[in-house]
Protein backbone atom coordinates (compact mmCIF):
# COMPACT_ATOMS: atom_id res chain seq x y z
CA MET A 1 -24.86 -19.09 -16.46
CA ARG A 2 -26.83 -21.40 -18.76
CA PHE A 3 -29.43 -20.31 -21.27
CA ALA A 4 -31.58 -21.73 -24.07
CA HIS A 5 -31.42 -20.53 -27.66
CA LEU A 6 -34.62 -21.09 -29.67
CA GLY A 7 -35.96 -19.69 -32.91
CA ASP A 8 -38.08 -20.43 -35.97
CA CYS A 9 -40.83 -21.97 -33.85
CA HIS A 10 -43.48 -20.85 -36.39
CA LEU A 11 -46.33 -21.58 -34.00
CA GLY A 12 -49.61 -21.85 -35.88
CA GLY A 13 -47.86 -22.31 -39.21
CA TRP A 14 -49.06 -25.75 -40.30
CA ARG A 15 -52.35 -26.12 -42.20
CA HIS A 16 -52.75 -29.75 -41.08
CA PRO A 17 -54.16 -29.78 -37.51
CA GLU A 18 -52.11 -32.87 -36.63
CA LEU A 19 -48.85 -31.15 -37.58
CA ARG A 20 -49.91 -27.88 -36.01
CA GLN A 21 -50.34 -29.85 -32.77
CA LEU A 22 -46.90 -31.46 -33.15
CA ASN A 23 -45.40 -28.01 -33.70
CA LEU A 24 -46.88 -26.85 -30.41
CA GLU A 25 -45.82 -30.06 -28.66
CA ALA A 26 -42.21 -29.53 -29.78
CA PHE A 27 -42.25 -26.01 -28.33
CA ARG A 28 -43.80 -27.40 -25.13
CA ILE A 29 -41.02 -30.00 -24.84
CA ALA A 30 -38.39 -27.27 -25.20
CA VAL A 31 -40.08 -25.21 -22.46
CA ASN A 32 -40.36 -28.21 -20.13
CA THR A 33 -36.68 -29.02 -20.68
CA ILE A 34 -35.70 -25.43 -19.88
CA ILE A 35 -37.68 -25.53 -16.63
CA LYS A 36 -36.47 -29.01 -15.65
CA GLU A 37 -32.83 -28.04 -16.14
CA LYS A 38 -33.34 -24.72 -14.31
CA LEU A 39 -31.77 -22.58 -17.01
CA ASP A 40 -31.17 -18.92 -16.22
CA PHE A 41 -32.94 -17.39 -19.24
CA VAL A 42 -34.26 -18.03 -22.75
CA LEU A 43 -33.48 -16.42 -26.12
CA ILE A 44 -35.98 -16.61 -28.99
CA ALA A 45 -34.27 -15.31 -32.13
CA GLY A 46 -37.39 -14.58 -34.22
CA ASP A 47 -40.36 -16.30 -35.84
CA LEU A 48 -41.95 -17.41 -32.60
CA PHE A 49 -45.21 -17.20 -34.54
CA ASP A 50 -45.72 -17.90 -38.23
CA THR A 51 -47.41 -14.53 -38.70
CA ALA A 52 -47.60 -11.20 -36.89
CA TYR A 53 -51.28 -11.92 -36.19
CA PRO A 54 -51.62 -15.62 -35.30
CA PRO A 55 -54.95 -17.38 -34.63
CA ILE A 56 -56.39 -16.91 -31.15
CA GLU A 57 -55.95 -20.60 -30.26
CA THR A 58 -52.25 -20.40 -31.13
CA ILE A 59 -51.88 -17.31 -28.95
CA LYS A 60 -53.61 -19.01 -26.01
CA ASP A 61 -51.40 -22.09 -26.31
CA ALA A 62 -48.24 -19.99 -26.54
CA PHE A 63 -49.20 -17.82 -23.57
CA GLU A 64 -49.71 -20.94 -21.45
CA GLU A 65 -46.12 -22.00 -22.13
CA PHE A 66 -44.77 -18.53 -21.40
CA ARG A 67 -46.73 -18.53 -18.14
CA LYS A 68 -44.87 -21.70 -17.11
CA LEU A 69 -41.55 -19.99 -17.71
CA LYS A 70 -42.62 -16.92 -15.77
CA ASP A 71 -43.85 -19.01 -12.84
CA ALA A 72 -40.46 -20.79 -12.85
CA GLY A 73 -38.70 -17.41 -12.70
CA ILE A 74 -37.00 -17.85 -16.08
CA PRO A 75 -37.04 -14.64 -18.18
CA VAL A 76 -37.44 -14.72 -21.97
CA PHE A 77 -35.68 -12.30 -24.34
CA LEU A 78 -36.75 -12.17 -27.98
CA ILE A 79 -36.75 -10.37 -31.31
CA ALA A 80 -39.16 -10.47 -34.25
CA GLY A 81 -38.41 -12.64 -37.26
CA SER A 82 -39.33 -12.27 -40.92
CA HIS A 83 -42.69 -13.98 -40.25
CA ASP A 84 -43.80 -12.34 -37.00
CA TYR A 85 -42.33 -8.95 -37.96
CA SER A 86 -44.84 -6.25 -38.81
CA ALA A 87 -44.02 -3.15 -40.85
CA THR A 88 -46.30 -1.17 -38.53
CA GLY A 89 -44.14 -2.26 -35.61
CA LYS A 90 -47.11 -3.91 -33.92
CA SER A 91 -47.45 -7.66 -33.38
CA PHE A 92 -48.45 -10.12 -30.69
CA LEU A 93 -44.87 -10.05 -29.45
CA ASP A 94 -45.87 -6.70 -27.96
CA VAL A 95 -48.74 -8.38 -26.13
CA LEU A 96 -46.34 -10.94 -24.69
CA GLU A 97 -44.11 -8.15 -23.47
CA LYS A 98 -46.96 -6.13 -21.94
CA ALA A 99 -48.16 -9.26 -20.16
CA GLY A 100 -44.73 -9.55 -18.55
CA PHE A 101 -43.92 -12.84 -20.29
CA ALA A 102 -41.02 -11.65 -22.46
CA THR A 103 -38.74 -8.71 -23.27
CA ASN A 104 -38.11 -7.51 -26.81
CA VAL A 105 -34.40 -6.64 -26.87
CA PHE A 106 -34.52 -4.56 -30.07
CA LYS A 107 -33.53 -1.14 -28.72
CA PRO A 108 -32.09 1.00 -31.53
CA GLU A 109 -30.79 4.55 -31.63
CA PHE A 110 -30.21 6.09 -35.06
CA ARG A 111 -27.13 8.30 -35.29
CA ASN A 112 -26.03 9.60 -38.67
CA GLU A 113 -25.47 6.47 -40.79
CA SER A 114 -25.23 4.07 -37.83
CA ILE A 115 -27.76 2.08 -35.82
CA ILE A 116 -26.64 1.91 -32.21
CA LEU A 117 -28.13 -1.04 -30.33
CA GLN A 118 -28.72 -0.55 -26.63
CA PRO A 119 -28.29 -3.57 -24.36
CA THR A 120 -30.83 -5.34 -22.21
CA ILE A 121 -28.93 -6.22 -19.04
CA PHE A 122 -29.67 -9.40 -17.13
CA LYS A 123 -27.27 -10.03 -14.25
CA ASN A 124 -23.83 -10.24 -15.93
CA ILE A 125 -25.27 -10.64 -19.46
CA ALA A 126 -25.78 -7.91 -22.08
CA ILE A 127 -28.28 -8.91 -24.77
CA TYR A 128 -28.65 -7.03 -28.06
CA GLY A 129 -31.01 -7.78 -30.92
CA TYR A 130 -32.05 -6.76 -34.42
CA PRO A 131 -35.23 -8.17 -36.05
CA GLY A 132 -35.62 -9.98 -39.33
CA LYS A 133 -37.74 -8.53 -42.11
CA LYS A 134 -39.45 -9.79 -45.24
CA SER A 135 -37.25 -10.70 -48.23
CA GLY A 136 -33.97 -10.03 -46.44
CA LEU A 137 -34.58 -6.30 -46.11
CA GLU A 138 -32.78 -6.35 -42.74
CA VAL A 139 -29.43 -7.27 -44.35
CA PRO A 140 -28.28 -3.75 -45.42
CA GLU A 141 -29.51 -2.37 -42.09
CA ILE A 142 -27.52 -4.90 -40.05
CA ALA A 143 -24.39 -3.69 -41.84
CA LYS A 144 -24.90 -0.36 -40.03
CA ILE A 145 -25.32 -1.69 -36.48
CA LYS A 146 -22.96 -0.94 -33.63
CA LEU A 147 -23.27 -1.87 -29.97
CA ASN A 148 -23.36 0.47 -27.02
CA ASP A 149 -20.53 -1.36 -25.32
CA THR A 150 -20.78 -2.98 -21.90
CA PRO A 151 -17.25 -3.78 -20.65
CA GLY A 152 -16.96 -6.83 -18.45
CA LEU A 153 -20.31 -8.37 -19.40
CA PHE A 154 -20.98 -11.49 -21.49
CA LYS A 155 -22.34 -10.08 -24.76
CA ILE A 156 -25.03 -11.79 -26.86
CA LEU A 157 -26.30 -10.53 -30.23
CA MET A 158 -29.56 -11.97 -31.59
CA LEU A 159 -30.17 -11.73 -35.35
CA HIS A 160 -32.84 -13.18 -37.61
CA THR A 161 -31.06 -13.17 -40.95
CA ALA A 162 -28.71 -15.08 -43.26
CA ILE A 163 -24.96 -14.84 -42.76
CA ARG A 164 -22.63 -15.32 -45.70
CA ASP A 165 -20.60 -18.15 -44.17
CA ALA A 166 -23.78 -20.21 -43.80
CA VAL A 167 -25.18 -19.69 -47.31
CA LYS A 168 -21.76 -19.71 -49.01
CA THR A 169 -22.03 -18.67 -52.69
CA LEU A 170 -25.81 -18.81 -53.01
CA PRO A 171 -27.02 -15.52 -54.56
CA ILE A 172 -29.22 -14.30 -51.70
CA PRO A 173 -28.88 -11.28 -49.41
CA ALA A 174 -26.58 -12.20 -46.53
CA VAL A 175 -24.65 -10.47 -43.77
CA ASP A 176 -20.86 -10.59 -43.75
CA GLU A 177 -20.33 -12.11 -40.30
CA THR A 178 -16.73 -10.83 -40.16
CA LYS A 179 -18.03 -7.25 -40.09
CA LEU A 180 -20.49 -7.76 -37.24
CA PRO A 181 -19.71 -6.33 -33.80
CA LYS A 182 -17.64 -8.70 -31.66
CA VAL A 183 -19.76 -10.61 -29.14
CA ASP A 184 -19.39 -13.72 -27.01
CA TYR A 185 -22.36 -15.49 -28.62
CA LEU A 186 -24.21 -14.81 -31.87
CA ALA A 187 -27.74 -16.27 -31.57
CA LEU A 188 -29.09 -16.78 -35.08
CA ALA A 189 -32.37 -17.89 -36.61
CA HIS A 190 -34.05 -17.72 -40.06
CA LEU A 191 -32.00 -20.39 -41.86
CA HIS A 192 -33.42 -23.75 -40.80
CA ILE A 193 -30.02 -25.43 -40.82
CA ASP A 194 -27.51 -27.14 -38.55
CA TYR A 195 -24.76 -24.53 -38.07
CA ASN A 196 -22.47 -24.08 -35.06
CA LYS A 197 -19.18 -22.33 -35.72
CA ASP A 198 -17.07 -20.03 -33.56
CA ASN A 199 -20.02 -19.29 -31.22
CA ARG A 200 -22.21 -18.39 -34.22
CA VAL A 201 -25.20 -20.70 -33.98
CA TYR A 202 -28.36 -21.28 -36.01
CA CYS A 203 -30.63 -23.10 -33.57
CA GLY A 204 -32.83 -24.70 -36.25
CA PRO A 205 -36.64 -24.82 -36.03
CA THR A 206 -38.22 -26.41 -32.95
CA PHE A 207 -40.28 -28.35 -35.50
CA PRO A 208 -39.89 -28.58 -39.31
CA ASN A 209 -41.91 -25.92 -41.09
CA ASN A 210 -43.00 -27.76 -44.26
CA SER A 211 -42.92 -31.21 -45.87
CA GLU A 212 -39.49 -30.62 -47.44
CA GLU A 213 -38.06 -29.80 -44.02
CA LEU A 214 -39.71 -32.88 -42.54
CA GLU A 215 -37.70 -34.91 -45.06
CA GLU A 216 -34.48 -32.93 -44.69
CA LEU A 217 -34.37 -32.37 -40.93
CA GLN A 218 -36.53 -35.21 -39.61
CA LYS A 219 -36.74 -33.43 -36.24
CA GLY A 220 -36.68 -30.10 -34.42
CA SER A 221 -33.92 -28.62 -32.30
CA PHE A 222 -32.77 -25.89 -29.94
CA TYR A 223 -29.53 -25.17 -28.06
CA ILE A 224 -28.48 -24.98 -24.44
CA VAL A 225 -25.46 -22.71 -23.94
CA ASP A 226 -23.15 -22.28 -20.98
CA THR A 227 -21.35 -18.95 -20.74
CA SER A 228 -18.21 -20.92 -19.86
CA GLY A 229 -18.13 -22.09 -23.49
CA LYS A 230 -20.22 -25.28 -23.78
CA VAL A 231 -22.75 -25.21 -26.65
CA GLU A 232 -25.08 -28.22 -26.75
CA LYS A 233 -27.68 -29.06 -29.39
CA ARG A 234 -30.92 -30.64 -28.14
CA GLU A 235 -33.01 -32.52 -30.69
CA ILE A 236 -36.81 -32.87 -30.56
CA LYS A 237 -38.04 -35.92 -32.45
CA LEU A 238 -41.75 -36.62 -32.07
CA LYS A 239 -42.71 -38.91 -34.96
CA GLU A 240 -41.02 -41.19 -37.46
CA ILE A 241 -41.20 -39.93 -41.04
CA SER A 242 -41.55 -42.23 -44.04
CA LYS A 243 -41.24 -40.87 -47.58
CA PHE A 244 -42.45 -42.74 -50.67
CA GLU A 245 -41.65 -41.62 -54.20
CA PHE A 246 -43.35 -43.10 -57.25
CA GLU A 247 -42.70 -42.43 -60.92
CA VAL A 248 -46.07 -42.55 -62.67
CA ASN A 249 -46.44 -43.30 -66.39
CA ASN A 250 -49.72 -45.18 -66.26
CA ALA A 251 -52.23 -43.21 -64.19
CA ILE A 252 -54.90 -45.92 -64.49
CA SER A 253 -52.85 -48.58 -62.69
CA ALA A 254 -50.96 -46.20 -60.38
CA THR A 255 -53.41 -46.32 -57.45
CA ASP A 256 -53.22 -50.10 -57.04
CA GLU A 257 -49.46 -50.12 -57.52
CA ILE A 258 -48.94 -47.45 -54.87
CA ILE A 259 -51.18 -49.18 -52.32
CA GLU A 260 -49.47 -52.51 -52.97
CA GLU A 261 -46.11 -50.91 -52.22
CA LEU A 262 -47.44 -49.22 -49.07
CA LYS A 263 -48.67 -52.62 -47.84
CA LYS A 264 -45.04 -53.70 -47.51
CA HIS A 265 -44.36 -51.09 -44.82
CA ASN A 266 -45.44 -50.37 -41.27
CA LEU A 267 -47.25 -47.00 -41.39
CA GLU A 268 -48.59 -46.89 -37.85
CA ASP A 269 -48.20 -43.52 -36.07
CA LYS A 270 -45.83 -42.23 -38.76
CA ILE A 271 -45.86 -39.08 -40.85
CA ILE A 272 -46.30 -40.40 -44.40
CA ILE A 273 -45.08 -38.30 -47.32
CA LEU A 274 -46.08 -39.42 -50.81
CA ARG A 275 -44.41 -37.74 -53.79
CA LEU A 276 -45.52 -38.56 -57.32
CA PHE A 277 -43.43 -37.57 -60.34
CA GLY A 278 -43.07 -38.38 -64.03
CA ASN A 279 -44.91 -37.96 -67.33
CA ILE A 280 -48.33 -39.58 -67.57
CA GLU A 281 -48.57 -41.48 -70.86
CA VAL A 282 -51.68 -43.56 -70.10
CA GLY A 283 -54.76 -41.99 -68.57
CA LYS A 284 -54.91 -38.61 -66.85
CA SER A 285 -53.94 -37.30 -63.42
CA SER A 286 -57.50 -37.61 -62.10
CA ASP A 287 -57.24 -41.38 -62.65
CA ILE A 288 -54.89 -41.51 -59.66
CA LYS A 289 -57.26 -41.99 -56.73
CA LEU A 290 -55.45 -40.01 -54.07
CA ASN A 291 -58.45 -40.19 -51.75
CA GLU A 292 -58.35 -43.98 -51.93
CA ILE A 293 -54.63 -43.97 -51.14
CA GLU A 294 -55.19 -41.62 -48.21
CA ARG A 295 -58.01 -43.79 -46.90
CA TYR A 296 -55.72 -46.83 -46.91
CA VAL A 297 -52.95 -44.91 -45.13
CA LYS A 298 -55.34 -43.75 -42.41
CA GLU A 299 -56.70 -47.28 -42.00
CA GLN A 300 -53.13 -48.28 -41.13
CA ASN A 301 -53.22 -45.69 -38.31
CA ALA A 302 -50.66 -43.36 -39.83
CA TYR A 303 -50.37 -40.11 -37.90
CA VAL A 304 -50.83 -37.87 -40.94
CA PHE A 305 -50.66 -38.20 -44.74
CA LEU A 306 -48.94 -35.59 -46.92
CA LYS A 307 -48.94 -35.78 -50.71
CA SER A 308 -47.31 -33.89 -53.57
CA THR A 309 -48.03 -34.07 -57.31
CA SER A 310 -46.14 -30.91 -58.29
CA LYS A 311 -43.68 -32.93 -60.44
CA LEU A 312 -46.33 -35.00 -62.18
CA PHE A 313 -46.96 -33.99 -65.78
CA VAL A 314 -49.20 -34.97 -68.67
CA THR A 315 -47.45 -35.72 -71.97
CA GLU A 316 -48.20 -33.46 -74.92
CA SER A 317 -50.07 -36.23 -76.73
CA ASP A 318 -52.74 -36.10 -74.04
CA ILE A 319 -53.29 -32.36 -74.42
CA ASP A 320 -56.00 -31.71 -76.97
CA ILE A 321 -54.71 -28.33 -78.09
CA GLU A 322 -52.75 -27.24 -81.13
CA VAL A 323 -50.63 -24.42 -79.70
CA GLU A 324 -47.50 -24.67 -77.61
CA SER A 325 -47.84 -24.02 -73.85
CA GLN A 326 -45.62 -20.95 -74.19
CA ASP A 327 -48.04 -19.54 -76.81
CA ILE A 328 -50.95 -20.12 -74.41
CA GLU A 329 -49.08 -18.27 -71.68
CA GLU A 330 -48.33 -15.33 -73.96
CA GLU A 331 -51.95 -15.22 -75.15
CA ILE A 332 -53.25 -15.13 -71.57
CA ILE A 333 -50.86 -12.29 -70.69
CA ARG A 334 -51.79 -10.39 -73.84
CA ASN A 335 -55.52 -10.68 -73.08
CA PHE A 336 -54.96 -9.59 -69.50
CA GLU A 337 -52.97 -6.52 -70.54
CA GLU A 338 -55.65 -5.50 -73.04
CA LYS A 339 -58.42 -5.76 -70.44
CA ASN A 340 -56.36 -4.30 -67.58
CA PRO A 341 -54.08 -1.53 -68.90
CA HIS A 342 -51.54 -0.46 -66.29
CA LYS A 343 -48.03 0.98 -66.26
CA LEU A 344 -46.77 -2.05 -64.31
CA ASN A 345 -47.88 -4.59 -66.93
CA ASN A 346 -44.38 -4.54 -68.38
CA LEU A 347 -43.24 -6.37 -65.23
CA ILE A 348 -45.43 -9.44 -65.88
CA ASN A 349 -43.06 -11.31 -68.20
CA PRO A 350 -39.88 -10.62 -66.16
CA LEU A 351 -41.67 -11.64 -62.95
CA MET A 352 -42.91 -14.87 -64.48
CA SER A 353 -39.39 -15.64 -65.66
CA SER A 354 -38.00 -15.04 -62.17
CA LEU A 355 -40.59 -17.45 -60.77
CA GLN A 356 -39.31 -20.22 -63.03
CA ILE A 357 -35.98 -20.65 -61.26
CA GLU A 358 -35.56 -24.15 -59.86
CA LYS A 359 -34.36 -25.43 -56.53
CA LYS A 360 -30.72 -26.52 -56.68
CA GLU A 361 -29.57 -29.93 -55.56
CA GLY A 362 -28.95 -29.89 -51.80
CA GLU A 363 -30.46 -26.40 -51.40
CA ILE A 364 -32.75 -26.17 -48.38
CA SER A 365 -36.21 -24.66 -48.79
CA ARG A 366 -35.53 -21.51 -46.75
CA ILE A 367 -32.47 -20.57 -48.83
CA PHE A 368 -34.32 -21.32 -52.08
CA GLU A 369 -37.15 -19.01 -51.00
CA ASP A 370 -34.66 -16.23 -50.22
CA ARG A 371 -33.02 -16.65 -53.63
CA LEU A 372 -36.43 -16.57 -55.32
CA PHE A 373 -37.41 -13.37 -53.49
CA THR A 374 -34.07 -11.81 -54.44
CA GLU A 375 -34.70 -12.41 -58.14
CA MET A 376 -38.19 -10.93 -57.86
CA LYS A 377 -36.85 -7.86 -56.01
CA LYS A 378 -34.40 -7.25 -58.87
CA VAL A 379 -37.28 -7.20 -61.34
CA ILE A 380 -39.38 -4.71 -59.40
CA ASP A 381 -36.28 -2.73 -58.42
CA LEU A 382 -36.72 -2.85 -54.62
């Protein structure tokens, strides 16, 4: 039998309407491929939606794609991810299931200290699943799972989590894959990475989820798996991506310099990412006419324009203030605590320190976010 392994679709997740449309189009391409190749079934290993309660337009678009699969007689089996998971247990995944478009395979039984997963049987396949949760809270629970065994069937376990072999030594919650129940295929999502090892597979997002992933991944992906052993990655590339980085020291001349550089390149129908960095020594950040740059980019028929100034700083000589920035921060906190007395105020400084950790070289955004959440959880003792 042949099946598709998808995950991290994050439908409805982009703020930019152009990229939100591309996200949907990538999912649509995956669905059309599944139907064209007459696959037997589909796995979605979490984060179908970007939130447990997506916008109505996103729901309508998603339901249309699921209707195509149902009409083609191709069943869909899924679990919730850390984004579309709801602590109440209710989400629009339930609506999909009640409409007959999908089956949630998370079927737990709690016995003593163990979580026994019951299988969803489809022909000669036994499918098990455990959902992802916010901030890696599923990791200690997954350590307790066992499978209600199904001798003679091809066993699939779907998880939305991080496994230790994929994140290596990064200090984030992760599952020891060597202690998981033995299955024929481990269908993983959550880490937006390229990982295929010993039938443990992260399928990657069907479309990158943020500007950093657009740069890192360049495209979306999913997998087509044959129970005889063939595991094939399918890439979904919709637009070319061009990144421009400029170090800015003189904010007054920066606009013209940036546009002059852009004129040397073909921008038509591309996703343009502009990243500005450096210490401004002449002028101020508002002297950089980002609207003018964006107008030029759009005149060149670029598909969409993304910009980042998060690493652009003003030198101290341009700041008309006599105290150090750290003193300002402490003064703000002190004033807040005086006006808002609360027993949790003692967490403010440790939390702010935990938020100052930086992304490591080569560290993907999803792993960095998990590491950041881990540090914050230590502070608040979760």
